[in-house]
Protein backbone atom coordinates (compact mmCIF):
# COMPACT_ATOMS: atom_id res chain seq x y z
CA UNK A 1 -33.52 132.43 169.42
CA UNK A 2 -36.74 133.99 170.72
CA UNK A 3 -38.17 130.59 171.69
CA UNK A 4 -35.01 129.79 173.66
CA UNK A 5 -35.29 133.08 175.57
CA UNK A 6 -38.97 132.44 176.18
CA UNK A 7 -38.30 128.96 177.56
CA UNK A 8 -35.50 130.28 179.78
CA UNK A 9 -37.83 132.97 181.15
CA UNK A 10 -40.48 130.33 181.85
CA UNK A 11 -37.98 128.19 183.77
CA UNK A 12 -36.90 131.20 185.82
CA UNK A 13 -40.50 132.10 186.63
CA UNK A 14 -41.18 128.53 187.66
CA UNK A 15 -38.24 128.65 190.09
CA UNK A 16 -39.52 131.94 191.54
CA UNK A 17 -42.96 130.38 192.02
CA UNK A 18 -41.42 127.36 193.71
CA UNK A 19 -39.41 129.60 196.05
CA UNK A 20 -42.56 131.60 196.82
CA UNK A 21 -44.41 128.39 197.69
CA UNK A 22 -41.63 127.27 200.03
CA UNK A 23 -41.50 130.73 201.67
CA UNK A 24 -45.28 130.60 202.13
CA UNK A 25 -45.09 127.18 203.73
CA UNK A 26 -42.33 128.20 206.14
CA UNK A 27 -43.48 131.76 206.72
CA UNK A 28 -39.95 132.99 205.98
CA UNK A 29 -37.17 132.74 203.42
CA UNK A 30 -35.72 129.21 203.59
CA UNK A 31 -32.11 128.34 204.15
CA UNK A 32 -30.35 126.70 201.22
CA UNK A 33 -30.72 123.29 202.91
CA UNK A 34 -34.47 123.79 203.43
CA UNK A 35 -34.93 124.97 199.85
CA UNK A 36 -33.00 122.03 198.43
CA UNK A 37 -34.93 119.57 200.63
CA UNK A 38 -38.29 120.93 199.48
CA UNK A 39 -37.13 121.05 195.87
CA UNK A 40 -36.27 117.35 196.18
CA UNK A 41 -39.89 116.67 197.14
CA UNK A 42 -41.14 118.78 194.22
CA UNK A 43 -38.77 117.13 191.79
CA UNK A 44 -39.86 113.65 192.91
CA UNK A 45 -43.52 114.61 192.41
CA UNK A 46 -42.99 116.75 189.30
CA UNK A 47 -45.15 114.52 187.07
CA UNK A 48 -48.13 115.26 189.32
CA UNK A 49 -47.27 118.83 190.32
CA UNK A 50 -46.63 120.14 186.81
CA UNK A 51 -49.13 118.08 184.82
CA UNK A 52 -51.48 121.03 184.38
CA UNK A 53 -48.75 123.10 182.69
CA UNK A 54 -48.95 120.74 179.71
CA UNK A 55 -52.07 122.34 178.29
CA UNK A 56 -51.66 120.47 175.03
CA UNK A 57 -52.14 117.22 176.95
CA UNK A 58 -55.13 118.21 179.14
CA UNK A 59 -58.33 117.01 177.48
CA UNK A 60 -60.52 119.91 178.68
CA UNK A 61 -58.14 122.41 177.11
CA UNK A 62 -57.64 120.54 173.86
CA UNK A 63 -61.40 120.04 173.47
CA UNK A 64 -61.96 123.79 173.94
CA UNK A 65 -59.09 124.68 171.61
CA UNK A 66 -60.66 122.54 168.88
CA UNK A 67 -63.75 124.80 168.97
CA UNK A 68 -61.82 128.07 168.52
CA UNK A 69 -62.01 129.54 165.05
CA UNK A 70 -58.93 131.15 163.51
CA UNK A 71 -59.90 134.79 162.91
CA UNK A 72 -56.62 135.79 161.25
CA UNK A 73 -57.00 136.13 157.48
CA UNK A 74 -54.69 133.97 155.41
């Protein structure tokens, strides 16, 4: 249940960030048509745009994570 809520919150934050980026580009709040048009561009390029959110797949992060010692006692 908690994981589902966490994922939903992450999706909502992503949408807010996307809206903020579109507002920044336009210098104002977009109309629905402008938002949907820009979201189409983001969706088409999502593999490139969001690749760095997959930390478990980015070699620099996984290499660093492998060096971290677990300090929590068993």
